[in-house]
Protein backbone atom coordinates (compact mmCIF):
# COMPACT_ATOMS: atom_id res chain seq x y z
CA MET A 1 10.69 -7.15 -11.04
CA ILE A 2 11.26 -3.64 -9.72
CA ILE A 3 8.36 -1.88 -7.96
CA THR A 4 8.05 1.27 -5.88
CA VAL A 5 6.87 0.67 -2.32
CA ALA A 6 6.19 3.69 -0.14
CA GLY A 7 8.42 5.79 -2.40
CA ASN A 8 11.34 3.31 -2.45
CA LYS A 9 12.34 1.14 -5.39
CA LYS A 10 12.48 -2.54 -4.41
CA GLU A 11 12.99 -5.85 -6.15
CA TYR A 12 10.51 -8.69 -5.76
CA ALA A 13 9.76 -11.92 -7.61
CA GLU A 14 7.15 -11.91 -10.38
CA GLY A 15 3.64 -12.98 -9.39
CA LEU A 16 3.64 -11.19 -6.02
CA THR A 17 0.15 -10.36 -4.73
CA VAL A 18 -0.77 -7.33 -2.65
CA LYS A 19 -1.36 -9.58 0.37
CA GLN A 20 2.10 -11.14 -0.03
CA LEU A 21 3.67 -7.69 -0.28
CA ILE A 22 1.95 -6.59 2.93
CA GLU A 23 3.45 -9.63 4.65
CA ALA A 24 6.90 -9.14 3.08
CA GLU A 25 6.97 -5.47 4.10
CA ASP A 26 5.95 -6.42 7.65
CA VAL A 27 3.19 -3.81 7.60
CA GLU A 28 2.02 -2.84 11.08
CA ASN A 29 -1.58 -3.96 11.72
CA PRO A 30 -2.19 -5.60 8.31
CA LEU A 31 -5.91 -5.92 9.05
CA TYR A 32 -6.14 -2.12 9.19
CA VAL A 33 -4.19 -1.19 6.08
CA THR A 34 -5.54 0.40 2.93
CA VAL A 35 -3.44 -0.08 -0.19
CA THR A 36 -3.16 1.94 -3.36
CA LEU A 37 -1.73 0.40 -6.49
CA ASN A 38 -0.82 3.00 -9.10
CA ASP A 39 -3.01 5.56 -7.25
CA GLU A 40 -6.06 3.24 -7.30
CA PHE A 41 -7.44 1.75 -4.08
CA VAL A 42 -7.29 -2.05 -3.82
CA GLN A 43 -10.39 -3.54 -2.21
CA SER A 44 -9.69 -5.76 0.82
CA ALA A 45 -11.41 -8.69 -0.88
CA GLU A 46 -9.06 -8.36 -3.88
CA MET A 47 -5.71 -8.21 -2.01
CA GLU A 48 -5.14 -11.96 -2.25
CA THR A 49 -5.71 -12.04 -6.00
CA THR A 50 -4.33 -8.68 -7.18
CA VAL A 51 -0.92 -9.32 -8.74
CA ILE A 52 1.66 -6.55 -8.72
CA LYS A 53 3.50 -5.98 -12.00
CA ASP A 54 6.94 -4.62 -12.85
CA GLY A 55 6.99 -0.84 -12.51
CA ASP A 56 3.92 -0.64 -10.27
CA GLU A 57 3.74 1.86 -7.40
CA VAL A 58 2.30 0.73 -4.06
CA GLU A 59 1.43 2.89 -1.05
CA PHE A 60 0.10 1.87 2.37
CA LEU A 61 -2.37 3.87 4.47
CA ILE A 62 -2.33 2.57 8.02
CA HIS A 63 -5.37 3.22 10.22
CA THR A 64 -3.95 4.08 13.64
CA ALA A 65 -6.51 6.14 15.61
CA PHE A 66 -9.89 7.80 15.53
CA GLY A 67 -11.07 11.38 15.14
CA ASN A 68 -9.07 14.01 13.26
CA ASP A 69 -5.96 11.81 13.24
CA ALA A 70 -7.82 8.83 11.82
CA ILE A 71 -4.98 7.48 9.70
CA THR A 72 -1.29 7.79 9.22
CA LEU A 73 0.06 7.90 5.68
CA TYR A 74 3.19 5.95 4.90
CA GLY A 75 5.10 6.62 1.72
CA PHE A 76 3.22 9.59 0.34
CA ASN A 77 5.59 12.35 -0.69
CA ASN A 78 3.09 15.10 0.05
CA GLN A 79 0.09 14.33 2.24
CA SER A 80 -1.78 17.37 0.96
CA ASP A 81 -1.84 15.75 -2.49
CA TYR A 82 -4.35 13.16 -1.23
CA GLU A 83 -7.87 13.94 -0.15
CA LEU A 84 -8.95 11.28 2.30
CA PHE A 85 -12.62 12.02 2.89
């Protein structure tokens, strides 16, 4: 299947879960990542069971610090398009 990960088209096997994708993409600090699937947030408790489908779009938000620079966005084309809080 072909999916978009952080703005890049990639090929993965069918049946891939969000957790497996995080591992395959070698996401920095996987315990502190927030994932959107087709612009919808995936709850941490659902990452092991949420299956990604052909054509899906996945983005990672990596929590890297505190204060005004609380997170770093990876893959978003325009950070101003996303209201964080």
